[in-house]
C-alpha atoms as a PDB file:
ATOM      1  CA  MET A   1     -10.607 -37.866  39.948  1.00  0.00           C
ATOM      2  CA  PRO A   2     -10.469 -35.599  36.843  1.00  0.00           C
ATOM      3  CA  THR A   3     -13.563 -33.668  35.940  1.00  0.00           C
ATOM      4  CA  PRO A   4     -15.114 -34.965  32.697  1.00  0.00           C
ATOM      5  CA  MET A   5     -15.439 -32.499  29.834  1.00  0.00           C
ATOM      6  CA  ILE A   6     -19.052 -31.552  29.310  1.00  0.00           C
ATOM      7  CA  SER A   7     -20.569 -30.476  26.008  1.00  0.00           C
ATOM      8  CA  GLU A   8     -20.378 -26.786  26.861  1.00  0.00           C
ATOM      9  CA  GLN A   9     -16.590 -26.967  27.301  1.00  0.00           C
ATOM     10  CA  TRP A  10     -15.335 -28.486  24.051  1.00  0.00           C
ATOM     11  CA  PRO A  11     -15.594 -25.356  21.845  1.00  0.00           C
ATOM     12  CA  ARG A  12     -13.290 -23.486  24.214  1.00  0.00           C
ATOM     13  CA  HIS A  13     -10.689 -26.226  23.936  1.00  0.00           C
ATOM     14  CA  VAL A  14     -10.822 -25.973  20.143  1.00  0.00           C
ATOM     15  CA  LEU A  15     -10.525 -22.164  20.119  1.00  0.00           C
ATOM     16  CA  PRO A  16      -6.723 -21.978  20.751  1.00  0.00           C
ATOM     17  CA  ILE A  17      -6.090 -24.441  17.906  1.00  0.00           C
ATOM     18  CA  VAL A  18      -8.307 -22.556  15.481  1.00  0.00           C
ATOM     19  CA  ARG A  19      -6.932 -19.148  16.457  1.00  0.00           C
ATOM     20  CA  LYS A  20      -3.286 -20.212  16.113  1.00  0.00           C
ATOM     21  CA  GLU A  21      -3.724 -21.784  12.671  1.00  0.00           C
ATOM     22  CA  TRP A  22      -5.873 -18.884  11.467  1.00  0.00           C
ATOM     23  CA  TYR A  23      -3.365 -16.263  12.607  1.00  0.00           C
ATOM     24  CA  GLN A  24      -0.266 -18.004  11.253  1.00  0.00           C
ATOM     25  CA  LYS A  25      -1.813 -18.595   7.839  1.00  0.00           C
ATOM     26  CA  MET A  26      -3.081 -15.021   7.620  1.00  0.00           C
ATOM     27  CA  LEU A  27       0.399 -13.623   8.337  1.00  0.00           C
ATOM     28  CA  ALA A  28       1.993 -15.982   5.801  1.00  0.00           C
ATOM     29  CA  VAL A  29       0.176 -14.380   2.867  1.00  0.00           C
ATOM     30  CA  PRO A  30       2.628 -12.123   0.983  1.00  0.00           C
ATOM     31  CA  SER A  31       1.567  -8.504   0.550  1.00  0.00           C
ATOM     32  CA  PRO A  32       4.497  -6.524  -0.908  1.00  0.00           C
ATOM     33  CA  ILE A  33       2.479  -3.376  -1.556  1.00  0.00           C
ATOM     34  CA  LEU A  34       1.203  -3.312   2.038  1.00  0.00           C
ATOM     35  CA  SER A  35       4.845  -2.948   3.120  1.00  0.00           C
ATOM     36  CA  LEU A  36       4.996   0.385   1.285  1.00  0.00           C
ATOM     37  CA  LEU A  37       2.021   1.946   3.054  1.00  0.00           C
ATOM     38  CA  GLY A  38       1.996   4.164   6.088  1.00  0.00           C
ATOM     39  CA  ILE A  39       0.093   2.039   8.598  1.00  0.00           C
ATOM     40  CA  ASP A  40      -1.615   3.645  11.556  1.00  0.00           C
ATOM     41  CA  THR A  41      -4.275   2.891  14.175  1.00  0.00           C
ATOM     42  CA  SER A  42      -7.555   4.771  14.199  1.00  0.00           C
ATOM     43  CA  ARG A  43      -9.918   5.395  17.108  1.00  0.00           C
ATOM     44  CA  ALA A  44     -12.643   7.075  15.066  1.00  0.00           C
ATOM     45  CA  SER A  45     -15.145   5.905  12.469  1.00  0.00           C
ATOM     46  CA  VAL A  46     -13.564   8.172   9.847  1.00  0.00           C
ATOM     47  CA  GLU A  47     -10.083   9.611   9.349  1.00  0.00           C
ATOM     48  CA  TYR A  48      -9.362  12.857   7.522  1.00  0.00           C
ATOM     49  CA  SER A  49      -6.103  13.861   5.881  1.00  0.00           C
ATOM     50  CA  GLN A  50      -5.580  17.481   4.910  1.00  0.00           C
ATOM     51  CA  GLY A  51      -2.859  18.067   2.360  1.00  0.00           C
ATOM     52  CA  ILE A  52      -0.568  21.005   2.947  1.00  0.00           C
ATOM     53  CA  GLY A  53       1.846  22.683   0.579  1.00  0.00           C
ATOM     54  CA  ASP A  54       5.530  23.272   1.139  1.00  0.00           C
ATOM     55  CA  PHE A  55       7.161  26.340   2.686  1.00  0.00           C
ATOM     56  CA  GLY A  56       9.751  26.937   0.009  1.00  0.00           C
ATOM     57  CA  LEU A  57      13.345  28.041   0.627  1.00  0.00           C
ATOM     58  CA  VAL A  58      14.559  29.570   3.880  1.00  0.00           C
ATOM     59  CA  PRO A  59      15.860  33.144   3.457  1.00  0.00           C
ATOM     60  CA  GLU A  60      19.069  34.406   4.951  1.00  0.00           C
ATOM     61  CA  TYR A  61      18.687  35.879   8.429  1.00  0.00           C
ATOM     62  CA  ASN A  62      20.543  38.987   9.529  1.00  0.00           C
ATOM     63  CA  SER A  63      20.643  39.464  13.264  1.00  0.00           C
ATOM     64  CA  ALA A  64      20.194  43.242  13.009  1.00  0.00           C
ATOM     65  CA  THR A  65      19.184  45.904  10.531  1.00  0.00           C
ATOM     66  CA  ALA A  66      21.478  48.698   9.342  1.00  0.00           C
ATOM     67  CA  GLU A  67      20.043  50.875  12.106  1.00  0.00           C
ATOM     68  CA  GLY A  68      20.950  48.269  14.713  1.00  0.00           C
ATOM     69  CA  GLU A  69      17.378  47.134  15.271  1.00  0.00           C
ATOM     70  CA  PRO A  70      16.661  43.375  15.639  1.00  0.00           C
ATOM     71  CA  ALA A  71      15.776  41.842  12.312  1.00  0.00           C
ATOM     72  CA  SER A  72      12.368  40.251  11.918  1.00  0.00           C
ATOM     73  CA  ILE A  73      11.856  36.576  11.116  1.00  0.00           C
ATOM     74  CA  PRO A  74       9.514  35.911   8.188  1.00  0.00           C
ATOM     75  CA  TYR A  75       6.707  33.583   9.237  1.00  0.00           C
ATOM     76  CA  ASP A  76       5.428  31.578   6.311  1.00  0.00           C
ATOM     77  CA  SER A  77       2.086  29.887   5.763  1.00  0.00           C
ATOM     78  CA  PHE A  78       1.291  26.871   3.639  1.00  0.00           C
ATOM     79  CA  ASN A  79      -1.130  26.521   0.779  1.00  0.00           C
ATOM     80  CA  PRO A  80      -3.957  24.124   1.618  1.00  0.00           C
ATOM     81  CA  LEU A  81      -4.034  21.206  -0.778  1.00  0.00           C
ATOM     82  CA  TYR A  82      -6.758  18.547  -0.967  1.00  0.00           C
ATOM     83  CA  GLU A  83      -8.587  16.738   1.811  1.00  0.00           C
ATOM     84  CA  LYS A  84      -9.076  12.987   1.742  1.00  0.00           C
ATOM     85  CA  THR A  85     -11.617  11.043   3.800  1.00  0.00           C
ATOM     86  CA  PHE A  86     -10.917   7.481   4.940  1.00  0.00           C
ATOM     87  CA  THR A  87     -14.088   5.654   5.996  1.00  0.00           C
ATOM     88  CA  HIS A  88     -13.477   2.315   7.690  1.00  0.00           C
ATOM     89  CA  LYS A  89     -15.285  -0.769   6.404  1.00  0.00           C
ATOM     90  CA  GLU A  90     -16.040  -4.019   8.213  1.00  0.00           C
ATOM     91  CA  TYR A  91     -14.977  -7.461   7.009  1.00  0.00           C
ATOM     92  CA  ALA A  92     -16.058 -10.727   8.612  1.00  0.00           C
ATOM     93  CA  LYS A  93     -16.129 -14.457   7.898  1.00  0.00           C
ATOM     94  CA  GLY A  94     -16.369 -17.582  10.048  1.00  0.00           C
ATOM     95  CA  VAL A  95     -15.731 -21.301  10.114  1.00  0.00           C
ATOM     96  CA  ALA A  96     -17.844 -24.053  11.665  1.00  0.00           C
ATOM     97  CA  ILE A  97     -16.299 -26.999  13.529  1.00  0.00           C
ATOM     98  CA  GLU A  98     -18.451 -30.046  14.272  1.00  0.00           C
ATOM     99  CA  ARG A  99     -18.110 -31.649  17.686  1.00  0.00           C
ATOM    100  CA  LYS A 100     -17.464 -35.045  16.093  1.00  0.00           C
ATOM    101  CA  LEU A 101     -14.152 -33.768  14.709  1.00  0.00           C
ATOM    102  CA  TRP A 102     -13.001 -33.076  18.251  1.00  0.00           C
ATOM    103  CA  ASP A 103     -14.421 -36.300  19.626  1.00  0.00           C
ATOM    104  CA  ASP A 104     -12.758 -38.328  16.841  1.00  0.00           C
ATOM    105  CA  ASP A 105      -9.397 -36.581  17.342  1.00  0.00           C
ATOM    106  CA  GLN A 106      -9.483 -35.006  13.864  1.00  0.00           C
ATOM    107  CA  ARG A 107      -7.061 -32.215  14.787  1.00  0.00           C
ATOM    108  CA  GLY A 108      -5.643 -32.063  11.266  1.00  0.00           C
ATOM    109  CA  ASN A 109      -9.068 -31.415   9.773  1.00  0.00           C
ATOM    110  CA  ILE A 110      -9.710 -28.677  12.314  1.00  0.00           C
ATOM    111  CA  ARG A 111      -6.354 -27.029  11.557  1.00  0.00           C
ATOM    112  CA  ARG A 112      -6.963 -27.091   7.805  1.00  0.00           C
ATOM    113  CA  ARG A 113     -10.318 -25.371   8.176  1.00  0.00           C
ATOM    114  CA  ALA A 114      -8.808 -22.712  10.417  1.00  0.00           C
ATOM    115  CA  ALA A 115      -5.868 -22.232   8.026  1.00  0.00           C
ATOM    116  CA  ASN A 116      -8.230 -21.762   5.096  1.00  0.00           C
ATOM    117  CA  LEU A 117     -10.045 -19.049   7.013  1.00  0.00           C
ATOM    118  CA  GLY A 118      -6.703 -17.386   7.772  1.00  0.00           C
ATOM    119  CA  LEU A 119      -5.812 -17.547   4.084  1.00  0.00           C
ATOM    120  CA  SER A 120      -9.099 -15.823   3.272  1.00  0.00           C
ATOM    121  CA  PHE A 121      -8.291 -12.956   5.648  1.00  0.00           C
ATOM    122  CA  GLY A 122      -4.702 -12.656   4.445  1.00  0.00           C
ATOM    123  CA  THR A 123      -5.614 -12.575   0.770  1.00  0.00           C
ATOM    124  CA  THR A 124      -8.339 -10.017   1.426  1.00  0.00           C
ATOM    125  CA  ILE A 125      -5.806  -7.672   3.023  1.00  0.00           C
ATOM    126  CA  ALA A 126      -3.269  -8.273   0.235  1.00  0.00           C
ATOM    127  CA  ASN A 127      -5.890  -7.707  -2.472  1.00  0.00           C
ATOM    128  CA  HIS A 128      -6.993  -4.437  -0.919  1.00  0.00           C
ATOM    129  CA  ALA A 129      -3.410  -3.192  -0.611  1.00  0.00           C
ATOM    130  CA  ALA A 130      -2.724  -4.093  -4.252  1.00  0.00           C
ATOM    131  CA  SER A 131      -5.977  -2.469  -5.351  1.00  0.00           C
ATOM    132  CA  ILE A 132      -4.394   0.951  -4.788  1.00  0.00           C
ATOM    133  CA  LEU A 133      -2.209   0.280  -7.838  1.00  0.00           C
ATOM    134  CA  ASN A 134      -4.650  -1.989  -9.668  1.00  0.00           C
ATOM    135  CA  ASN A 135      -7.100   0.937  -9.714  1.00  0.00           C
ATOM    136  CA  ALA A 136      -4.445   3.618 -10.214  1.00  0.00           C
ATOM    137  CA  PHE A 137      -5.675   4.482 -13.711  1.00  0.00           C
ATOM    138  CA  SER A 138      -9.406   4.098 -13.130  1.00  0.00           C
ATOM    139  CA  SER A 139     -11.792   7.042 -13.161  1.00  0.00           C
ATOM    140  CA  SER A 140     -13.940   5.090 -10.695  1.00  0.00           C
ATOM    141  CA  PHE A 141     -11.341   5.530  -7.944  1.00  0.00           C
ATOM    142  CA  LEU A 142     -10.483   9.187  -7.480  1.00  0.00           C
ATOM    143  CA  GLY A 143      -8.225  11.009  -5.069  1.00  0.00           C
ATOM    144  CA  GLY A 144      -8.932  14.195  -3.179  1.00  0.00           C
ATOM    145  CA  ASP A 145      -7.908  16.189  -6.267  1.00  0.00           C
ATOM    146  CA  GLY A 146     -10.714  14.592  -8.298  1.00  0.00           C
ATOM    147  CA  VAL A 147      -8.595  12.438 -10.634  1.00  0.00           C
ATOM    148  CA  ALA A 148      -7.129   8.938 -10.568  1.00  0.00           C
ATOM    149  CA  LEU A 149      -3.923   8.182  -8.664  1.00  0.00           C
ATOM    150  CA  CYS A 150      -1.887   8.063 -11.900  1.00  0.00           C
ATOM    151  CA  HIS A 151      -3.107  10.833 -14.196  1.00  0.00           C
ATOM    152  CA  ASP A 152      -1.698  13.304 -16.699  1.00  0.00           C
ATOM    153  CA  ALA A 153      -3.442  16.372 -15.216  1.00  0.00           C
ATOM    154  CA  HIS A 154      -3.260  16.493 -11.411  1.00  0.00           C
ATOM    155  CA  PRO A 155      -4.328  20.017 -10.370  1.00  0.00           C
ATOM    156  CA  ASN A 156      -1.666  21.796  -8.345  1.00  0.00           C
ATOM    157  CA  ARG A 157      -3.968  22.897  -5.513  1.00  0.00           C
ATOM    158  CA  PRO A 158      -7.555  24.134  -5.036  1.00  0.00           C
ATOM    159  CA  SER A 159      -6.441  27.733  -5.557  1.00  0.00           C
ATOM    160  CA  ASP A 160      -4.406  26.858  -8.667  1.00  0.00           C
ATOM    161  CA  THR A 161      -6.148  24.252 -10.807  1.00  0.00           C
ATOM    162  CA  GLY A 162      -4.659  25.659 -14.002  1.00  0.00           C
ATOM    163  CA  THR A 163      -1.227  24.288 -13.173  1.00  0.00           C
ATOM    164  CA  THR A 164      -1.164  20.522 -13.559  1.00  0.00           C
ATOM    165  CA  PHE A 165       1.254  17.644 -13.028  1.00  0.00           C
ATOM    166  CA  ASP A 166       1.670  14.325 -14.782  1.00  0.00           C
ATOM    167  CA  ASN A 167       2.525  10.939 -13.222  1.00  0.00           C
ATOM    168  CA  LEU A 168       1.079   8.760 -15.978  1.00  0.00           C
ATOM    169  CA  GLY A 169       3.078   6.946 -18.631  1.00  0.00           C
ATOM    170  CA  THR A 170       2.223   4.429 -21.316  1.00  0.00           C
ATOM    171  CA  THR A 171       5.647   2.929 -22.047  1.00  0.00           C
ATOM    172  CA  ALA A 172       6.223  -0.811 -21.897  1.00  0.00           C
ATOM    173  CA  PHE A 173       8.741  -1.939 -19.297  1.00  0.00           C
ATOM    174  CA  SER A 174      12.351  -1.627 -20.426  1.00  0.00           C
ATOM    175  CA  TYR A 175      15.715  -0.344 -19.293  1.00  0.00           C
ATOM    176  CA  ASN A 176      15.264   2.972 -21.084  1.00  0.00           C
ATOM    177  CA  ALA A 177      11.747   3.388 -19.688  1.00  0.00           C
ATOM    178  CA  VAL A 178      13.062   2.955 -16.156  1.00  0.00           C
ATOM    179  CA  VAL A 179      15.811   5.545 -16.750  1.00  0.00           C
ATOM    180  CA  SER A 180      13.284   8.012 -18.164  1.00  0.00           C
ATOM    181  CA  THR A 181      10.908   7.533 -15.223  1.00  0.00           C
ATOM    182  CA  LEU A 182      13.713   8.042 -12.715  1.00  0.00           C
ATOM    183  CA  GLN A 183      14.495  11.358 -14.378  1.00  0.00           C
ATOM    184  CA  LEU A 184      10.831  12.433 -14.448  1.00  0.00           C
ATOM    185  CA  GLY A 185      10.590  11.862 -10.708  1.00  0.00           C
ATOM    186  CA  LYS A 186      13.650  13.990 -10.010  1.00  0.00           C
ATOM    187  CA  ARG A 187      12.159  16.822 -12.084  1.00  0.00           C
ATOM    188  CA  LEU A 188       8.911  17.014 -10.108  1.00  0.00           C
ATOM    189  CA  THR A 189       8.231  20.209  -8.192  1.00  0.00           C
ATOM    190  CA  ASP A 190       6.152  21.110  -5.160  1.00  0.00           C
ATOM    191  CA  ASP A 191       3.053  23.325  -5.168  1.00  0.00           C
ATOM    192  CA  ARG A 192       5.249  26.452  -5.296  1.00  0.00           C
ATOM    193  CA  GLY A 193       7.276  25.272  -8.243  1.00  0.00           C
ATOM    194  CA  ASN A 194      10.400  24.411  -6.256  1.00  0.00           C
ATOM    195  CA  PRO A 195      12.213  21.124  -6.963  1.00  0.00           C
ATOM    196  CA  LEU A 196      10.753  18.439  -4.740  1.00  0.00           C
ATOM    197  CA  PRO A 197      12.274  16.055  -5.988  1.00  0.00           C
ATOM    198  CA  ILE A 198      10.862  12.523  -5.966  1.00  0.00           C
ATOM    199  CA  ILE A 199      13.549   9.835  -5.724  1.00  0.00           C
ATOM    200  CA  PHE A 200      12.051   6.594  -6.961  1.00  0.00           C
ATOM    201  CA  ASP A 201      13.732   3.779  -5.051  1.00  0.00           C
ATOM    202  CA  THR A 202      11.234   0.943  -5.566  1.00  0.00           C
ATOM    203  CA  LEU A 203      10.110  -0.822  -8.722  1.00  0.00           C
ATOM    204  CA  VAL A 204       6.700  -2.525  -8.462  1.00  0.00           C
ATOM    205  CA  VAL A 205       5.860  -5.089 -11.125  1.00  0.00           C
ATOM    206  CA  PRO A 206       3.474  -8.002 -11.704  1.00  0.00           C
ATOM    207  CA  ILE A 207       4.691 -11.590 -11.863  1.00  0.00           C
ATOM    208  CA  GLU A 208       4.959 -11.453 -15.656  1.00  0.00           C
ATOM    209  CA  LEU A 209       7.624  -8.703 -15.487  1.00  0.00           C
ATOM    210  CA  GLU A 210       9.666 -10.184 -12.643  1.00  0.00           C
ATOM    211  CA  ALA A 211      12.417 -11.647 -14.848  1.00  0.00           C
ATOM    212  CA  SER A 212      12.715  -8.461 -16.917  1.00  0.00           C
ATOM    213  CA  ALA A 213      12.906  -6.343 -13.763  1.00  0.00           C
ATOM    214  CA  TYR A 214      15.699  -8.545 -12.431  1.00  0.00           C
ATOM    215  CA  GLU A 215      17.706  -8.140 -15.636  1.00  0.00           C
ATOM    216  CA  VAL A 216      17.293  -4.360 -15.674  1.00  0.00           C
ATOM    217  CA  THR A 217      18.256  -3.864 -12.027  1.00  0.00           C
ATOM    218  CA  ASN A 218      20.957  -6.523 -11.655  1.00  0.00           C
ATOM    219  CA  ALA A 219      22.794  -6.810 -14.975  1.00  0.00           C
ATOM    220  CA  ILE A 220      26.432  -5.782 -14.772  1.00  0.00           C
ATOM    221  CA  ASN A 221      26.338  -4.132 -18.189  1.00  0.00           C
ATOM    222  CA  LYS A 222      23.577  -2.064 -19.746  1.00  0.00           C
ATOM    223  CA  PRO A 223      20.901  -4.642 -20.693  1.00  0.00           C
ATOM    224  CA  THR A 224      19.905  -3.308 -24.102  1.00  0.00           C
ATOM    225  CA  ALA A 225      20.528  -4.680 -27.586  1.00  0.00           C
ATOM    226  CA  ALA A 226      22.193  -1.439 -28.677  1.00  0.00           C
ATOM    227  CA  ALA A 227      24.517  -1.213 -25.696  1.00  0.00           C
ATOM    228  CA  ALA A 228      28.226  -0.985 -26.389  1.00  0.00           C
ATOM    229  CA  VAL A 229      30.558  -3.566 -24.936  1.00  0.00           C
ATOM    230  CA  ASN A 230      31.100  -2.992 -21.209  1.00  0.00           C
ATOM    231  CA  GLU A 231      28.646  -0.053 -21.168  1.00  0.00           C
ATOM    232  CA  ALA A 232      27.714   0.416 -17.507  1.00  0.00           C
ATOM    233  CA  ASN A 233      24.237  -0.329 -16.153  1.00  0.00           C
ATOM    234  CA  PHE A 234      23.085   3.019 -14.770  1.00  0.00           C
ATOM    235  CA  VAL A 235      19.894   1.581 -13.286  1.00  0.00           C
ATOM    236  CA  GLY A 236      21.907  -1.020 -11.407  1.00  0.00           C
ATOM    237  CA  SER A 237      23.799   1.785  -9.670  1.00  0.00           C
ATOM    238  CA  GLN A 238      20.602   3.350  -8.295  1.00  0.00           C
ATOM    239  CA  GLY A 239      19.943   0.676  -5.673  1.00  0.00           C
ATOM    240  CA  LEU A 240      16.382   0.050  -6.793  1.00  0.00           C
ATOM    241  CA  ARG A 241      14.371  -2.436  -4.787  1.00  0.00           C
ATOM    242  CA  THR A 242      12.007  -4.608  -6.804  1.00  0.00           C
ATOM    243  CA  LEU A 243       8.634  -5.653  -5.411  1.00  0.00           C
ATOM    244  CA  VAL A 244       6.787  -8.376  -7.268  1.00  0.00           C
ATOM    245  CA  ASP A 245       3.183  -8.464  -6.116  1.00  0.00           C
ATOM    246  CA  PRO A 246       1.130 -11.528  -7.114  1.00  0.00           C
ATOM    247  CA  TYR A 247      -2.050  -9.531  -6.548  1.00  0.00           C
ATOM    248  CA  LEU A 248      -1.357  -7.054  -9.339  1.00  0.00           C
ATOM    249  CA  THR A 249      -3.934  -7.992 -11.946  1.00  0.00           C
ATOM    250  CA  ASP A 250      -2.458  -6.496 -15.119  1.00  0.00           C
ATOM    251  CA  SER A 251       0.523  -8.239 -16.712  1.00  0.00           C
ATOM    252  CA  ASN A 252       1.792  -5.096 -18.490  1.00  0.00           C
ATOM    253  CA  ASN A 253       1.372  -2.178 -16.103  1.00  0.00           C
ATOM    254  CA  TRP A 254       4.281  -1.244 -13.858  1.00  0.00           C
ATOM    255  CA  PHE A 255       5.100   1.406 -11.287  1.00  0.00           C
ATOM    256  CA  MET A 256       7.962   3.284  -9.686  1.00  0.00           C
ATOM    257  CA  VAL A 257       7.604   4.397  -6.081  1.00  0.00           C
ATOM    258  CA  ASP A 258       9.384   6.721  -3.678  1.00  0.00           C
ATOM    259  CA  SER A 259       9.024   4.613  -0.538  1.00  0.00           C
ATOM    260  CA  ARG A 260       9.591   7.542   1.827  1.00  0.00           C
ATOM    261  CA  GLN A 261       6.806   9.532   0.208  1.00  0.00           C
ATOM    262  CA  ALA A 262       4.599   6.427   0.005  1.00  0.00           C
ATOM    263  CA  ALA A 263       4.805   5.933   3.766  1.00  0.00           C
ATOM    264  CA  GLN A 264       3.531   9.491   4.154  1.00  0.00           C
ATOM    265  CA  HIS A 265       0.819   9.591   1.502  1.00  0.00           C
ATOM    266  CA  ALA A 266      -0.309   5.997   0.792  1.00  0.00           C
ATOM    267  CA  LEU A 267      -2.177   5.165   3.979  1.00  0.00           C
ATOM    268  CA  TRP A 268      -3.772   2.222   5.767  1.00  0.00           C
ATOM    269  CA  PHE A 269      -5.802   2.773   8.948  1.00  0.00           C
ATOM    270  CA  TRP A 270      -6.595  -0.133  11.265  1.00  0.00           C
ATOM    271  CA  ARG A 271      -9.764   0.552  13.213  1.00  0.00           C
ATOM    272  CA  VAL A 272      -9.915  -3.073  14.419  1.00  0.00           C
ATOM    273  CA  ARG A 273      -7.031  -5.385  13.626  1.00  0.00           C
ATOM    274  CA  PRO A 274      -7.921  -8.957  12.634  1.00  0.00           C
ATOM    275  CA  GLU A 275      -9.369 -10.935  15.521  1.00  0.00           C
ATOM    276  CA  LEU A 276     -10.923 -14.384  15.930  1.00  0.00           C
ATOM    277  CA  THR A 277     -13.474 -15.231  18.599  1.00  0.00           C
ATOM    278  CA  LEU A 278     -15.953 -17.940  19.480  1.00  0.00           C
ATOM    279  CA  ASP A 279     -19.428 -17.027  18.296  1.00  0.00           C
ATOM    280  CA  PRO A 280     -21.663 -17.121  21.383  1.00  0.00           C
ATOM    281  CA  ALA A 281     -24.585 -18.113  19.153  1.00  0.00           C
ATOM    282  CA  SER A 282     -22.980 -21.496  18.469  1.00  0.00           C
ATOM    283  CA  ASP A 283     -24.870 -24.685  19.195  1.00  0.00           C
ATOM    284  CA  TYR A 284     -22.293 -26.004  21.635  1.00  0.00           C
ATOM    285  CA  ASN A 285     -23.745 -29.506  21.621  1.00  0.00           C
ATOM    286  CA  LEU A 286     -23.036 -30.151  17.935  1.00  0.00           C
ATOM    287  CA  VAL A 287     -21.267 -27.296  16.142  1.00  0.00           C
ATOM    288  CA  SER A 288     -19.076 -24.419  17.292  1.00  0.00           C
ATOM    289  CA  ARG A 289     -18.600 -21.382  15.092  1.00  0.00           C
ATOM    290  CA  TYR A 290     -15.530 -19.186  15.111  1.00  0.00           C
ATOM    291  CA  ARG A 291     -15.807 -15.770  13.517  1.00  0.00           C
ATOM    292  CA  GLY A 292     -13.051 -13.528  12.241  1.00  0.00           C
ATOM    293  CA  TYR A 293     -13.475  -9.780  12.044  1.00  0.00           C
ATOM    294  CA  MET A 294     -11.479  -6.745  10.949  1.00  0.00           C
ATOM    295  CA  ARG A 295     -12.193  -3.150  10.142  1.00  0.00           C
ATOM    296  CA  TYR A 296      -9.997  -0.731   8.226  1.00  0.00           C
ATOM    297  CA  SER A 297      -9.655   1.846   5.456  1.00  0.00           C
ATOM    298  CA  PHE A 298      -6.945   2.592   2.931  1.00  0.00           C
ATOM    299  CA  GLY A 299      -6.058   4.890   0.056  1.00  0.00           C
ATOM    300  CA  TRP A 300      -3.887   7.920  -0.664  1.00  0.00           C
ATOM    301  CA  ASP A 301      -4.045  11.617   0.120  1.00  0.00           C
ATOM    302  CA  ASP A 302      -1.476  12.794  -2.431  1.00  0.00           C
ATOM    303  CA  TRP A 303      -0.093  11.318  -5.665  1.00  0.00           C
ATOM    304  CA  ARG A 304       3.512  12.487  -5.274  1.00  0.00           C
ATOM    305  CA  TRP A 305       4.916   9.062  -4.425  1.00  0.00           C
ATOM    306  CA  VAL A 306       4.244   7.007  -7.535  1.00  0.00           C
ATOM    307  CA  PHE A 307       4.577   7.044 -11.312  1.00  0.00           C
ATOM    308  CA  GLY A 308       2.484   4.479 -13.157  1.00  0.00           C
ATOM    309  CA  HIS A 309       2.711   3.145 -16.697  1.00  0.00           C
ATOM    310  CA  GLN A 310      -0.580   1.980 -18.185  1.00  0.00           C
ATOM    311  CA  VAL A 311       0.763  -0.016 -21.083  1.00  0.00           C
ATOM    312  CA  THR A 312      -1.227  -0.654 -24.267  1.00  0.00           C
ATOM    313  CA  GLY A 313      -2.926  -4.005 -23.865  1.00  0.00           C
ATOM    314  CA  GLY A 314      -3.323  -3.499 -20.122  1.00  0.00           C
ATOM    315  CA  SER A 315      -6.667  -2.989 -18.415  1.00  0.00           C
ATOM    316  CA  ALA A 316      -7.924   0.221 -16.782  1.00  0.00           C
END
């Protein structure tokens, strides 16, 4: 004879349903900018990233001196750049399921509540990833060098603040603006003044610029009014990937990204990946509560991966 389900058991039967719907809905939320970040796992309460300069060019090596003595190898040292601290924050939210929904076989209602909670977690993650660019021009969100992510006066290094770099534009999105930004990236230098260069391979735009970005990157001919007949589309030959992020809040601002550099300098640390558990404080007789939790930090430790255009009419 089967054992009847007692009141203390029903929340545990609901848990797999809630967890599955929550997880699937959370993963279904698009987060294009998150795909650009270097994602890592942390085991500490805080992560530190110390920027280091480049070594410059490698000199020619001669195996012996004129006197026949072994030649010495020059051992270089790097210039310390700026340190960035990543402090993890906690995020939590739960959903309550009444016993009567289980008793009355209201599985659809249970799934919808769990899915809504998953959507909340997914959109939180996507919003935080997009906030790196949404706040790229704001003086309230500063990098280790003391200025915003996109700024016209990034100091070179702590020992050379007089030399500055610029990754801030104000030009509205257009074919010519994209060409100009590609060239600016290739002209960037490292902390010693050597060509870096930055190869922008990703175009990041809000929904409002999606159609324009498609025309610029996919037109066969140069998509400008002044273009001659059959004039080639240079931008189309560069293999640019376009990311349209629905969580970008400004309809005018746009960005170009070197995805290889972004994976190294735009960072996301998972201290605790999203999890869903049964709250032991639930009143098992009437209501069970399922709580989601995650803990992470994000940001950047160097600006040399992005060029941002804060267009007139956009917000800071």
